[in-house]
N, C-alpha and C. Protein backbone atom coordinates (compact mmCIF):
# COMPACT_ATOMS: atom_id res chain seq x y z
N UNK A 1 83.30 102.41 66.65
CA UNK A 1 84.12 102.78 68.16
C UNK A 1 84.71 101.71 69.80
N UNK A 2 84.76 100.31 68.74
CA UNK A 2 84.75 98.84 69.29
C UNK A 2 86.85 99.06 68.41
N UNK A 3 87.10 100.21 68.08
CA UNK A 3 88.41 100.40 67.73
C UNK A 3 89.07 101.81 68.14
N UNK A 4 88.46 102.41 68.90
CA UNK A 4 88.54 103.41 69.18
C UNK A 4 88.71 103.06 70.52
N UNK A 5 87.65 102.44 71.57
CA UNK A 5 88.04 101.43 72.71
C UNK A 5 88.88 101.13 72.60
N UNK A 6 90.40 99.96 71.90
CA UNK A 6 91.21 99.32 71.37
C UNK A 6 92.40 99.95 71.85
N UNK A 7 92.02 101.43 71.76
CA UNK A 7 93.24 102.00 71.37
C UNK A 7 94.07 102.68 72.48
N UNK A 8 92.91 102.76 73.16
CA UNK A 8 92.51 103.66 74.37
C UNK A 8 94.17 103.09 75.56
N UNK A 9 92.35 101.64 75.42
CA UNK A 9 92.93 100.37 76.57
C UNK A 9 94.55 99.76 76.50
N UNK A 10 95.20 99.73 74.58
CA UNK A 10 96.42 99.01 73.90
C UNK A 10 97.42 100.15 74.69
N UNK A 11 97.07 101.79 74.69
CA UNK A 11 98.05 103.32 74.68
C UNK A 11 98.06 102.48 77.02
N UNK A 12 97.49 102.63 77.79
CA UNK A 12 96.81 102.45 78.16
C UNK A 12 98.17 101.71 79.05
N UNK A 13 97.73 100.20 78.49
CA UNK A 13 98.44 99.69 78.71
C UNK A 13 100.03 99.61 78.66
N UNK A 14 100.62 100.13 77.58
CA UNK A 14 102.12 100.89 77.39
C UNK A 14 102.76 101.56 77.92
N UNK A 15 101.87 102.72 78.29
CA UNK A 15 101.90 103.68 79.17
C UNK A 15 102.41 102.89 81.06
N UNK A 16 101.39 102.43 80.92
CA UNK A 16 101.86 101.36 82.68
C UNK A 16 102.46 100.18 82.57
N UNK A 17 103.18 99.76 81.41
CA UNK A 17 104.50 99.23 81.18
C UNK A 17 105.59 100.49 81.42
N UNK A 18 105.81 100.82 80.58
CA UNK A 18 107.03 101.50 80.63
C UNK A 18 107.51 102.09 81.72
N UNK A 19 106.12 103.13 82.28
CA UNK A 19 106.60 102.74 83.90
C UNK A 19 106.89 102.44 84.73
N UNK A 20 106.26 101.35 85.04
CA UNK A 20 106.92 99.67 86.07
C UNK A 20 107.82 99.70 85.64
N UNK A 21 108.19 99.67 84.38
CA UNK A 21 110.30 99.74 84.35
C UNK A 21 111.01 100.14 84.27
N UNK A 22 109.25 101.75 84.31
CA UNK A 22 110.95 102.76 84.36
C UNK A 22 111.26 102.63 86.32
N UNK A 23 110.11 102.02 87.04
CA UNK A 23 109.50 102.33 88.38
C UNK A 23 110.97 101.64 88.64
N UNK A 24 111.08 99.95 87.73
CA UNK A 24 112.29 99.25 88.42
C UNK A 24 113.69 99.76 88.65
N UNK A 25 113.89 100.13 87.21
CA UNK A 25 115.12 100.67 87.34
C UNK A 25 115.43 101.76 88.22
N UNK A 26 114.64 102.71 89.29
CA UNK A 26 115.11 103.75 88.84
C UNK A 26 115.51 103.20 90.26
N UNK A 27 115.07 101.86 91.08
CA UNK A 27 114.91 101.63 92.72
C UNK A 27 115.52 100.14 92.22
N UNK A 28 116.40 99.77 91.14
CA UNK A 28 118.07 99.82 91.73
C UNK A 28 118.52 101.13 92.34
N UNK A 29 118.61 102.23 92.84
CA UNK A 29 119.68 103.77 92.94
C UNK A 29 118.70 103.84 94.22
N UNK A 30 117.64 103.94 94.16
CA UNK A 30 116.57 104.98 95.31
C UNK A 30 115.60 104.19 95.82
N UNK A 31 115.15 104.66 97.20
CA UNK A 31 114.46 103.47 97.87
C UNK A 31 112.81 103.77 97.83
N UNK A 32 112.29 103.08 97.63
CA UNK A 32 110.62 102.81 96.99
C UNK A 32 110.13 103.81 98.12
N UNK A 33 109.18 105.31 98.10
CA UNK A 33 108.98 106.03 98.64
C UNK A 33 108.80 105.60 100.20
N UNK A 34 107.56 104.39 99.80
CA UNK A 34 106.59 103.67 100.02
C UNK A 34 106.17 102.61 99.79
N UNK A 35 105.00 101.50 100.48
CA UNK A 35 104.37 99.88 99.63
C UNK A 35 103.28 99.49 100.20
N UNK A 36 102.98 98.73 99.40
CA UNK A 36 101.55 98.53 99.27
C UNK A 36 101.14 97.74 101.50
N UNK A 37 102.29 97.38 101.67
CA UNK A 37 102.32 97.39 103.54
C UNK A 37 102.20 98.42 103.28
N UNK A 38 103.68 98.41 103.35
CA UNK A 38 103.22 99.61 104.55
C UNK A 38 102.46 101.02 104.37
N UNK A 39 101.49 101.61 102.99
CA UNK A 39 100.70 102.48 103.49
C UNK A 39 99.18 102.03 104.44
N UNK A 40 98.86 100.08 103.92
CA UNK A 40 98.35 99.99 104.44
C UNK A 40 98.08 99.54 106.77
N UNK A 41 99.22 99.39 106.81
CA UNK A 41 100.04 100.11 108.65
C UNK A 41 99.37 101.01 108.45
N UNK A 42 99.64 101.73 107.93
CA UNK A 42 99.36 103.40 107.89
C UNK A 42 98.02 103.60 108.42
N UNK A 43 97.03 103.23 107.77
CA UNK A 43 96.20 103.44 107.05
C UNK A 43 94.78 102.55 108.34
N UNK A 44 96.04 101.67 108.68
CA UNK A 44 95.46 99.56 109.93
C UNK A 44 95.74 100.49 110.87
N UNK A 45 96.31 101.95 111.59
CA UNK A 45 96.58 102.02 112.67
C UNK A 45 97.45 102.04 113.65
N UNK A 46 98.44 101.38 112.27
CA UNK A 46 100.14 100.60 113.31
C UNK A 46 101.22 101.17 113.09
N UNK A 47 100.89 102.55 112.31
CA UNK A 47 101.19 103.37 112.13
C UNK A 47 102.94 102.84 110.79
N UNK A 48 104.00 103.39 111.00
CA UNK A 48 104.82 103.53 110.34
C UNK A 48 106.40 103.46 110.57
N UNK A 49 107.09 102.99 110.97
CA UNK A 49 108.55 103.10 111.70
C UNK A 49 109.86 102.75 110.63
N UNK A 50 110.12 103.13 109.90
CA UNK A 50 111.45 102.86 108.72
C UNK A 50 112.30 103.80 108.85
N UNK A 51 113.81 102.96 108.31
CA UNK A 51 114.73 104.32 108.24
C UNK A 51 115.94 103.34 107.54
N UNK A 52 115.37 103.68 106.17
CA UNK A 52 116.58 102.79 105.16
C UNK A 52 117.95 102.97 105.60
N UNK A 53 118.88 101.92 105.39
CA UNK A 53 119.96 102.25 105.36
C UNK A 53 120.91 101.68 104.66
N UNK A 54 122.15 102.74 103.95
CA UNK A 54 122.95 101.38 103.03
C UNK A 54 123.31 100.35 103.50
N UNK A 55 123.54 99.72 102.14
CA UNK A 55 124.18 97.88 102.39
C UNK A 55 126.03 98.23 103.42
N UNK A 56 125.88 99.17 103.47
CA UNK A 56 127.58 99.00 103.42
C UNK A 56 126.98 99.59 105.74
N UNK A 57 125.68 100.13 105.53
CA UNK A 57 125.81 100.29 107.24
C UNK A 57 125.16 99.09 107.89
N UNK A 58 124.76 98.00 107.03
CA UNK A 58 124.22 96.86 106.96
C UNK A 58 125.36 95.43 107.99
N UNK A 59 124.76 95.17 108.92
CA UNK A 59 125.81 94.88 109.01
C UNK A 59 126.18 92.90 108.41
N UNK A 60 127.18 92.84 108.60
CA UNK A 60 127.81 91.43 107.73
C UNK A 60 126.76 90.62 108.97
N UNK A 61 125.77 90.70 109.96
CA UNK A 61 125.43 89.73 109.72
C UNK A 61 124.14 89.35 109.76
N UNK A 62 123.91 90.93 109.74
CA UNK A 62 122.13 90.68 109.02
C UNK A 62 121.59 89.24 107.95
N UNK A 63 122.86 90.51 106.67
CA UNK A 63 123.00 89.57 105.66
C UNK A 63 122.95 88.24 105.93
N UNK A 64 124.10 88.21 105.84
CA UNK A 64 124.39 86.68 106.30
C UNK A 64 122.98 85.54 107.61
N UNK A 65 122.66 86.70 108.10
CA UNK A 65 120.77 85.15 109.19
C UNK A 65 120.55 85.56 107.47
N UNK A 66 120.11 86.34 106.80
CA UNK A 66 118.46 86.50 106.59
C UNK A 66 118.51 85.63 104.98
N UNK A 67 120.22 84.71 104.52
CA UNK A 67 120.29 84.36 104.06
C UNK A 67 120.05 83.07 103.97
N UNK A 68 121.23 82.59 105.59
CA UNK A 68 121.49 81.63 105.80
C UNK A 68 119.79 80.26 106.57
N UNK A 69 118.88 81.59 107.81
CA UNK A 69 117.54 81.95 107.53
C UNK A 69 116.75 81.18 106.54
N UNK A 70 116.41 82.31 104.94
CA UNK A 70 115.73 82.57 104.48
C UNK A 70 115.43 81.96 103.60
N UNK A 71 117.52 81.70 102.58
CA UNK A 71 117.63 81.04 101.25
C UNK A 71 119.10 80.98 101.00
N UNK A 72 119.20 79.66 101.54
CA UNK A 72 120.64 79.55 101.33
C UNK A 72 121.07 79.09 99.89
N UNK A 73 119.99 79.52 98.80
CA UNK A 73 120.90 79.53 97.97
C UNK A 73 120.84 80.46 96.48
N UNK A 74 120.29 81.75 97.59
CA UNK A 74 120.37 82.86 97.15
C UNK A 74 121.01 83.69 96.48
N UNK A 75 122.70 82.92 96.83
CA UNK A 75 123.25 83.14 95.52
C UNK A 75 123.96 82.76 94.32
N UNK A 76 123.73 82.05 93.47
CA UNK A 76 123.61 80.75 92.81
C UNK A 76 122.15 80.66 91.92
N UNK A 77 120.59 81.13 92.69
CA UNK A 77 119.49 80.48 92.36
C UNK A 77 119.11 82.05 91.23
N UNK A 78 118.73 82.08 90.04
CA UNK A 78 118.39 82.38 89.36
C UNK A 78 116.72 83.77 89.50
N UNK A 79 116.49 83.65 90.98
CA UNK A 79 115.43 84.09 91.67
C UNK A 79 113.46 83.15 92.56
N UNK A 80 114.14 81.97 91.92
CA UNK A 80 113.62 80.98 91.89
C UNK A 80 113.96 79.99 92.46
N UNK A 81 114.31 78.92 93.72
CA UNK A 81 114.81 77.72 93.70
C UNK A 81 113.49 76.91 93.82
N UNK A 82 112.93 76.07 93.14
CA UNK A 82 112.62 75.34 92.27
C UNK A 82 112.10 73.65 93.70
N UNK A 83 113.50 73.40 94.14
CA UNK A 83 113.40 71.69 94.81
C UNK A 83 112.66 72.77 95.97
N UNK A 84 112.93 73.63 96.77
CA UNK A 84 112.06 74.48 97.38
C UNK A 84 109.74 74.43 97.12
N UNK A 85 110.27 75.07 96.46
CA UNK A 85 108.73 75.17 95.70
C UNK A 85 108.04 73.94 95.58
N UNK A 86 108.76 72.83 94.80
CA UNK A 86 108.85 71.87 95.09
C UNK A 86 107.96 70.67 96.36
N UNK A 87 108.49 71.13 97.46
CA UNK A 87 108.54 70.62 98.78
C UNK A 87 107.57 71.39 99.10
N UNK A 88 107.43 72.51 98.64
CA UNK A 88 105.82 74.05 99.52
C UNK A 88 104.13 72.81 98.17
N UNK A 89 104.87 72.64 97.53
CA UNK A 89 103.69 72.70 97.02
C UNK A 89 103.37 70.58 97.44
N UNK A 90 104.54 70.16 97.45
CA UNK A 90 103.70 68.89 98.60
C UNK A 90 103.75 68.96 99.46
N UNK A 91 104.05 69.25 100.15
CA UNK A 91 103.84 70.17 101.91
C UNK A 91 102.13 69.97 102.02
N UNK A 92 101.41 71.61 101.74
CA UNK A 92 100.72 72.20 100.74
C UNK A 92 98.65 71.32 99.95
N UNK A 93 99.80 70.38 99.55
CA UNK A 93 98.14 69.60 99.03
C UNK A 93 98.36 68.67 100.36
N UNK A 94 99.25 67.62 100.65
CA UNK A 94 99.23 66.31 102.17
C UNK A 94 98.49 67.15 103.33
N UNK A 95 98.70 68.53 103.09
CA UNK A 95 97.64 69.24 104.99
C UNK A 95 96.31 69.80 104.03
N UNK A 96 96.15 69.87 102.81
CA UNK A 96 94.67 70.67 102.34
C UNK A 96 94.60 71.70 102.46
N UNK A 97 95.22 72.77 102.74
CA UNK A 97 95.26 74.34 102.12
C UNK A 97 94.89 74.55 103.92
N UNK A 98 95.24 73.61 104.23
CA UNK A 98 95.30 73.87 106.10
C UNK A 98 96.16 74.24 106.77
N UNK A 99 97.45 74.33 106.56
CA UNK A 99 98.01 74.45 106.96
C UNK A 99 99.39 75.51 105.31
N UNK A 100 100.17 76.49 105.40
CA UNK A 100 100.66 77.11 104.17
C UNK A 100 102.14 77.05 104.79
N UNK A 101 103.07 76.22 103.58
CA UNK A 101 103.37 76.61 103.27
C UNK A 101 104.57 77.25 102.00
N UNK A 102 105.61 77.97 102.77
CA UNK A 102 106.16 78.96 100.81
C UNK A 102 107.91 78.58 101.26
N UNK A 103 107.10 78.58 99.46
CA UNK A 103 108.48 77.84 98.76
C UNK A 103 109.35 79.23 98.27
N UNK A 104 108.91 80.41 99.08
CA UNK A 104 109.61 82.15 98.19
C UNK A 104 111.13 82.07 98.91
N UNK A 105 111.21 82.81 97.64
CA UNK A 105 112.82 82.93 97.92
C UNK A 105 113.48 84.46 98.60
N UNK A 106 114.90 85.31 98.96
CA UNK A 106 114.94 86.36 99.22
C UNK A 106 114.08 87.30 97.73
N UNK A 107 114.58 87.13 97.23
CA UNK A 107 114.51 87.82 95.96
C UNK A 107 112.34 87.32 95.15
N UNK A 108 112.18 86.55 95.80
CA UNK A 108 110.95 87.02 94.80
C UNK A 108 110.19 87.20 96.71
N UNK A 109 109.93 86.88 97.42
CA UNK A 109 110.27 88.07 99.14
C UNK A 109 109.71 89.44 98.57
N UNK A 110 111.57 89.71 98.52
CA UNK A 110 111.54 91.56 98.12
C UNK A 110 110.64 91.73 96.67
N UNK A 111 109.97 90.75 95.86
CA UNK A 111 109.15 91.40 94.51
C UNK A 111 108.04 92.14 95.22
N UNK A 112 106.99 90.99 96.23
CA UNK A 112 106.08 91.11 96.93
C UNK A 112 105.83 91.75 97.92
N UNK A 113 107.40 92.17 98.40
CA UNK A 113 107.04 93.14 99.93
C UNK A 113 107.29 94.59 98.66
N UNK A 114 108.11 94.70 97.46
CA UNK A 114 108.62 96.51 97.05
C UNK A 114 107.04 95.86 96.23
N UNK A 115 106.77 95.53 95.32
CA UNK A 115 105.32 95.93 94.40
C UNK A 115 104.89 95.42 94.64
N UNK A 116 103.81 94.43 95.30
CA UNK A 116 102.81 93.55 95.30
C UNK A 116 102.12 93.47 96.84
N UNK A 117 101.05 93.44 96.72
CA UNK A 117 100.81 92.61 98.26
C UNK A 117 101.10 91.01 99.14
N UNK A 118 100.67 91.26 100.84
CA UNK A 118 100.45 89.96 100.71
C UNK A 118 99.11 88.71 101.14
N UNK A 119 97.71 89.32 100.57
CA UNK A 119 97.23 88.63 100.20
C UNK A 119 97.36 87.34 99.09
N UNK A 120 97.31 86.55 99.77
CA UNK A 120 98.22 85.17 98.55
C UNK A 120 96.84 85.39 97.64
N UNK A 121 97.29 85.07 96.22
CA UNK A 121 96.35 84.55 95.01
C UNK A 121 97.18 84.64 93.68
N UNK A 122 95.66 84.11 92.64
CA UNK A 122 97.42 83.83 91.77
C UNK A 122 97.62 84.98 90.69
N UNK A 123 96.71 85.76 90.51
CA UNK A 123 97.67 87.07 90.20
C UNK A 123 98.56 87.55 90.77
N UNK A 124 98.68 87.79 92.39
CA UNK A 124 99.78 88.07 92.66
C UNK A 124 100.50 87.25 92.67
N UNK A 125 100.52 85.45 92.40
CA UNK A 125 101.95 85.14 92.40
C UNK A 125 102.09 85.24 91.09
N UNK A 126 101.36 85.66 90.03
CA UNK A 126 101.60 85.70 88.85
C UNK A 126 102.61 87.24 88.61
N UNK A 127 102.19 88.22 89.39
CA UNK A 127 102.81 89.71 89.47
C UNK A 127 104.30 89.01 89.84
N UNK A 128 104.56 87.90 90.75
CA UNK A 128 105.50 88.30 91.52
C UNK A 128 106.92 88.03 91.02
N UNK A 129 106.32 85.91 90.06
CA UNK A 129 106.44 85.56 89.20
C UNK A 129 107.84 87.05 88.64
N UNK A 130 106.73 88.03 86.93
CA UNK A 130 107.12 88.98 86.98
C UNK A 130 108.46 89.59 87.05
N UNK A 131 107.87 90.54 89.01
CA UNK A 131 108.98 91.35 88.93
C UNK A 131 110.01 90.60 89.59
N UNK A 132 110.64 89.31 90.27
CA UNK A 132 110.75 88.60 90.62
C UNK A 132 112.17 88.32 89.58
N UNK A 133 111.92 87.87 88.41
CA UNK A 133 112.69 87.96 87.36
C UNK A 133 113.17 89.21 86.82
N UNK A 134 112.69 90.52 86.87
CA UNK A 134 113.25 91.89 86.24
C UNK A 134 114.00 91.94 87.71
N UNK A 135 113.68 91.68 88.27
CA UNK A 135 114.60 92.58 89.76
C UNK A 135 115.58 92.14 89.10
N UNK A 136 116.43 90.88 89.38
CA UNK A 136 117.67 89.67 89.70
C UNK A 136 117.78 89.94 88.19
N UNK A 137 117.39 90.56 86.84
CA UNK A 137 118.64 91.23 85.48
C UNK A 137 118.52 92.50 85.69
N UNK A 138 117.64 93.33 86.56
CA UNK A 138 118.26 94.75 87.46
C UNK A 138 119.01 94.99 88.11
N UNK A 139 117.94 95.00 89.73
CA UNK A 139 118.78 94.79 90.64
C UNK A 139 120.50 94.42 90.49
N UNK A 140 120.95 92.63 90.48
CA UNK A 140 121.81 92.17 91.00
C UNK A 140 121.21 91.94 92.25
N UNK A 141 122.52 90.99 92.81
CA UNK A 141 121.49 90.16 94.60
C UNK A 141 122.53 91.35 95.44
N UNK A 142 123.18 92.48 95.56
CA UNK A 142 123.57 92.66 96.61
C UNK A 142 122.45 93.91 96.72
N UNK A 143 121.34 94.31 95.92
CA UNK A 143 120.62 95.78 95.58
C UNK A 143 119.44 94.64 96.57
N UNK A 144 118.89 92.90 95.81
CA UNK A 144 118.11 92.79 96.27
C UNK A 144 118.38 92.30 98.18
N UNK A 145 119.20 91.80 98.14
CA UNK A 145 119.64 91.48 99.20
C UNK A 145 119.20 93.17 100.63
N UNK A 146 120.08 93.95 99.87
CA UNK A 146 119.42 95.56 100.08
C UNK A 146 118.28 95.84 100.75
N UNK A 147 117.31 95.81 99.12
CA UNK A 147 116.80 95.72 100.04
C UNK A 147 115.48 95.35 100.43
N UNK A 148 115.57 93.55 100.82
CA UNK A 148 114.82 92.84 102.10
C UNK A 148 115.16 93.46 102.89
N UNK A 149 116.02 93.71 103.13
CA UNK A 149 116.51 94.17 105.01
C UNK A 149 115.98 96.05 104.73
N UNK A 150 115.65 95.80 104.08
CA UNK A 150 115.53 97.86 104.26
C UNK A 150 113.56 97.45 104.65
N UNK A 151 112.55 96.71 103.77
CA UNK A 151 111.75 96.59 103.62
C UNK A 151 110.66 95.94 104.24
N UNK A 152 110.94 94.77 104.70
CA UNK A 152 110.60 93.65 104.96
C UNK A 152 110.45 94.05 106.46
N UNK A 153 108.83 93.65 106.55
CA UNK A 153 108.25 93.90 108.13
C UNK A 153 109.14 93.34 108.89
N UNK A 154 109.65 93.64 110.43
CA UNK A 154 109.87 93.28 111.21
C UNK A 154 109.43 93.09 113.01
N UNK A 155 108.37 94.17 112.50
CA UNK A 155 107.05 94.05 113.31
C UNK A 155 106.36 94.87 113.48
N UNK A 156 105.51 94.85 114.38
CA UNK A 156 104.17 96.00 113.98
C UNK A 156 104.00 96.96 113.52
N UNK A 157 104.31 97.51 112.11
CA UNK A 157 103.94 99.23 112.19
C UNK A 157 105.39 98.81 111.65
N UNK A 158 106.64 98.21 111.73
CA UNK A 158 107.77 99.07 112.28
C UNK A 158 108.28 97.92 110.97
N UNK A 159 109.53 98.66 109.75
CA UNK A 159 110.30 98.25 108.68
C UNK A 159 111.21 98.11 108.36
N UNK A 160 112.42 97.20 108.48
CA UNK A 160 113.55 97.36 107.65
C UNK A 160 114.38 96.65 109.16
N UNK A 161 115.47 97.14 109.49
CA UNK A 161 116.79 96.19 110.17
C UNK A 161 116.95 97.56 111.05
N UNK A 162 117.16 98.48 110.56
CA UNK A 162 117.27 99.48 111.41
C UNK A 162 116.04 99.91 112.27
N UNK A 163 114.63 99.64 111.57
CA UNK A 163 113.54 100.57 113.32
C UNK A 163 114.03 98.99 113.81
N UNK A 164 113.59 98.22 113.23
CA UNK A 164 114.00 96.48 114.63
C UNK A 164 115.14 97.15 115.27
N UNK A 165 116.14 97.33 114.73
CA UNK A 165 117.04 96.77 115.66
C UNK A 165 116.66 98.69 116.85
N UNK A 166 116.75 99.65 115.74
CA UNK A 166 115.82 101.02 117.34
C UNK A 166 115.28 100.10 118.30
N UNK A 167 113.98 99.15 117.72
CA UNK A 167 112.74 99.15 118.75
C UNK A 167 113.10 98.07 119.48
N UNK A 168 113.66 96.99 119.17
CA UNK A 168 113.79 95.83 121.06
C UNK A 168 115.30 96.33 120.33
N UNK A 169 116.25 96.57 120.09
CA UNK A 169 118.18 96.76 120.92
C UNK A 169 118.04 98.41 121.98
N UNK A 170 117.27 99.37 121.00
CA UNK A 170 117.43 100.38 121.65
C UNK A 170 118.82 101.09 121.42
N UNK A 171 119.15 100.55 119.51
CA UNK A 171 120.80 100.76 119.20
C UNK A 171 120.42 100.24 117.69
N UNK A 172 122.04 101.24 117.03
CA UNK A 172 121.47 101.50 115.02
C UNK A 172 122.78 99.51 114.54
N UNK A 173 122.01 99.70 113.35
CA UNK A 173 121.73 97.81 113.62
C UNK A 173 123.43 97.29 113.27
N UNK A 174 123.86 98.39 112.96
CA UNK A 174 125.62 98.61 112.80
C UNK A 174 126.34 98.04 114.34
N UNK A 175 125.93 98.05 115.12
CA UNK A 175 126.21 97.99 115.60
C UNK A 175 125.12 95.92 116.59
N UNK A 176 124.63 95.31 116.39
CA UNK A 176 123.73 94.74 116.59
C UNK A 176 124.84 93.28 116.62
N UNK A 177 124.90 92.03 117.75
CA UNK A 177 125.52 91.36 117.83
C UNK A 177 125.32 89.83 116.32
N UNK A 178 125.83 88.65 116.64
CA UNK A 178 124.79 87.84 115.87
C UNK A 178 123.73 87.41 115.82
N UNK A 179 123.49 86.89 117.64
CA UNK A 179 122.33 86.61 117.68
C UNK A 179 121.26 87.44 117.39
N UNK A 180 121.59 88.68 118.34
CA UNK A 180 120.44 89.85 118.21
C UNK A 180 120.10 90.02 116.50
N UNK A 181 120.99 90.06 115.34
CA UNK A 181 120.30 89.96 114.16
C UNK A 181 120.34 88.73 113.97
N UNK A 182 119.71 87.73 113.76
CA UNK A 182 119.83 86.23 113.33
C UNK A 182 118.40 86.15 114.14
N UNK A 183 117.71 86.50 115.12
CA UNK A 183 115.97 86.85 116.31
C UNK A 183 115.29 87.71 115.77
N UNK A 184 116.13 89.13 115.04
CA UNK A 184 115.55 89.72 113.51
C UNK A 184 114.52 89.37 112.82
N UNK A 185 116.02 88.06 111.94
CA UNK A 185 115.46 88.28 110.66
C UNK A 185 114.46 86.54 110.62
N UNK A 186 114.76 85.83 111.87
CA UNK A 186 114.17 84.93 111.39
C UNK A 186 112.83 84.96 112.49
N UNK A 187 112.48 86.10 112.82
CA UNK A 187 111.11 86.48 112.55
C UNK A 187 110.09 87.36 111.71
N UNK A 188 110.95 86.98 110.13
CA UNK A 188 109.96 87.88 109.48
C UNK A 188 109.29 86.98 108.27
N UNK A 189 109.20 85.66 108.37
CA UNK A 189 108.52 85.45 108.99
C UNK A 189 106.49 85.72 109.03
N UNK A 190 106.80 85.86 110.77
CA UNK A 190 105.65 86.23 111.68
C UNK A 190 105.69 87.16 112.66
N UNK A 191 105.92 88.82 111.58
CA UNK A 191 106.45 89.87 112.79
C UNK A 191 105.56 89.49 113.49
N UNK A 192 103.80 89.50 113.36
CA UNK A 192 103.23 90.55 114.15
C UNK A 192 103.43 88.98 115.45
N UNK A 193 103.61 87.34 115.50
CA UNK A 193 103.10 86.66 116.13
C UNK A 193 104.28 86.35 116.71
N UNK A 194 105.26 87.01 116.88
CA UNK A 194 107.01 86.22 117.50
C UNK A 194 107.01 87.22 117.92
N UNK A 195 107.87 86.80 119.54
CA UNK A 195 108.59 88.17 120.13
C UNK A 195 110.12 88.00 119.09
N UNK A 196 110.95 89.85 119.84
CA UNK A 196 111.89 88.90 119.21
C UNK A 196 113.12 89.68 120.12
N UNK A 197 112.41 90.47 121.65
CA UNK A 197 113.40 90.20 123.14
C UNK A 197 111.82 91.30 123.50
N UNK A 198 111.91 89.92 124.83
CA UNK A 198 112.97 88.92 125.01
C UNK A 198 112.04 87.88 123.76
N UNK A 199 113.69 86.64 123.61
CA UNK A 199 112.67 85.85 122.33
C UNK A 199 111.61 85.06 122.91
N UNK A 200 110.27 84.98 122.43
CA UNK A 200 109.92 84.15 122.46
C UNK A 200 110.89 82.19 122.10
N UNK A 201 109.82 81.22 122.39
CA UNK A 201 111.07 79.82 122.27
C UNK A 201 110.54 79.69 121.32
N UNK A 202 110.61 79.64 119.64
CA UNK A 202 110.77 79.35 118.44
C UNK A 202 111.36 80.46 118.00
N UNK A 203 111.24 81.32 118.59
CA UNK A 203 113.07 82.71 117.59
C UNK A 203 113.64 82.27 118.63
N UNK A 204 113.98 82.11 119.77
CA UNK A 204 115.54 80.92 121.11
C UNK A 204 116.51 80.02 119.33
N UNK A 205 114.79 79.69 119.67
CA UNK A 205 114.95 78.29 118.30
C UNK A 205 115.79 78.16 117.48
N UNK A 206 114.87 79.26 116.69
CA UNK A 206 114.97 79.29 115.19
C UNK A 206 116.49 79.65 114.83
N UNK A 207 116.36 81.41 115.89
CA UNK A 207 117.89 82.01 116.06
C UNK A 207 119.05 80.32 116.07
N UNK A 208 119.07 80.08 117.01
CA UNK A 208 120.33 79.34 116.83
C UNK A 208 120.56 78.39 116.02
N UNK A 209 119.88 77.86 115.50
CA UNK A 209 119.98 76.59 113.77
C UNK A 209 120.85 78.07 112.84
N UNK A 210 119.27 78.99 113.40
CA UNK A 210 120.88 80.25 111.54
C UNK A 210 122.14 80.56 112.78
N UNK A 211 121.89 80.45 113.69
CA UNK A 211 124.14 80.90 113.88
C UNK A 211 124.38 79.62 113.57
N UNK A 212 123.57 78.98 113.45
CA UNK A 212 124.90 76.69 113.39
C UNK A 212 125.37 77.21 111.82
N UNK A 213 124.01 77.87 110.96
CA UNK A 213 123.87 78.02 109.61
C UNK A 213 125.03 79.36 108.81
N UNK A 214 125.56 80.30 109.63
CA UNK A 214 125.71 81.24 109.47
C UNK A 214 127.04 81.49 108.89
N UNK A 215 128.34 80.40 110.70
CA UNK A 215 129.61 79.83 111.03
C UNK A 215 129.22 78.85 109.88
N UNK A 216 128.22 77.73 109.41
CA UNK A 216 129.01 77.21 108.00
C UNK A 216 128.51 78.28 106.95
N UNK A 217 127.76 79.27 106.70
CA UNK A 217 127.64 79.46 104.94
C UNK A 217 128.95 81.19 104.82
N UNK A 218 129.65 81.01 106.19
CA UNK A 218 130.87 82.42 105.92
C UNK A 218 131.30 81.68 105.81
N UNK A 219 132.55 82.58 104.85
CA UNK A 219 133.81 82.21 103.83
C UNK A 219 133.52 81.50 103.36
N UNK A 220 131.90 80.61 102.53
CA UNK A 220 131.88 80.35 101.24
C UNK A 220 131.79 81.25 100.00
N UNK A 221 133.15 81.17 98.88
CA UNK A 221 132.42 82.66 98.22
C UNK A 221 131.80 83.73 97.09
N UNK A 222 130.95 82.15 97.13
CA UNK A 222 129.83 82.59 96.51
C UNK A 222 128.74 83.37 97.62
N UNK A 223 128.87 83.13 98.46
CA UNK A 223 128.31 83.75 99.61
C UNK A 223 128.79 85.83 100.04
N UNK A 224 130.80 85.50 100.90
CA UNK A 224 131.20 86.81 101.01
C UNK A 224 130.90 87.47 99.66
N UNK A 225 131.40 87.57 98.78
CA UNK A 225 130.91 87.84 97.56
C UNK A 225 129.75 88.31 97.90
N UNK A 226 128.23 88.83 98.15
CA UNK A 226 127.15 89.45 98.87
C UNK A 226 127.49 90.04 99.30
N UNK A 227 127.69 89.86 101.39
CA UNK A 227 127.75 89.72 101.89
C UNK A 227 128.88 90.63 102.20
N UNK A 228 130.62 89.90 101.74
CA UNK A 228 131.44 91.23 102.42
C UNK A 228 131.62 92.60 102.39
């Protein structure tokens, strides 16, 4: 009896492992039908506004703003920024959990947004490490950044750069200015709290800083290989 149960568990685990691996590979070319966060937005009554667009339809300004604001080592790391993780752990320990600072890279955020849920837990962090490793190996940087700008929550019930552009500026993402793209991107850490248009004081300050960083990063060979 025990052997039979063990065989069933083992077979189920193998099937689930193969299924998730096939899903990861498939998402290199197709967009996710829905994510856990998007599904939660629906059942919570916030709706679901999204419009996936291709990488070539995304303005360079949005790609550059994402890297400048969220992960300036995106082009060179393998999915994890050890120094930022150490800084985040030190900060969180110093503040005794009262204030939480994340050290996640764009790759880690994509792993969480596409495959997992938002609530913090050790289980989620462990799975996040696995999925981050896999998408870095299978998708590559351009696809990861494309998914980041298509799937991230950009406002209540709004997901992706295209839906955000239509919501906040009533135009396609391809027509966004540098400042507009920066304002959308800097809102990503807490899209339900900050205002994009008109911008809240935090968004204005952070967007101005991001634009300066964009100018510094623009033309850097490894960055250009991704955003151009």
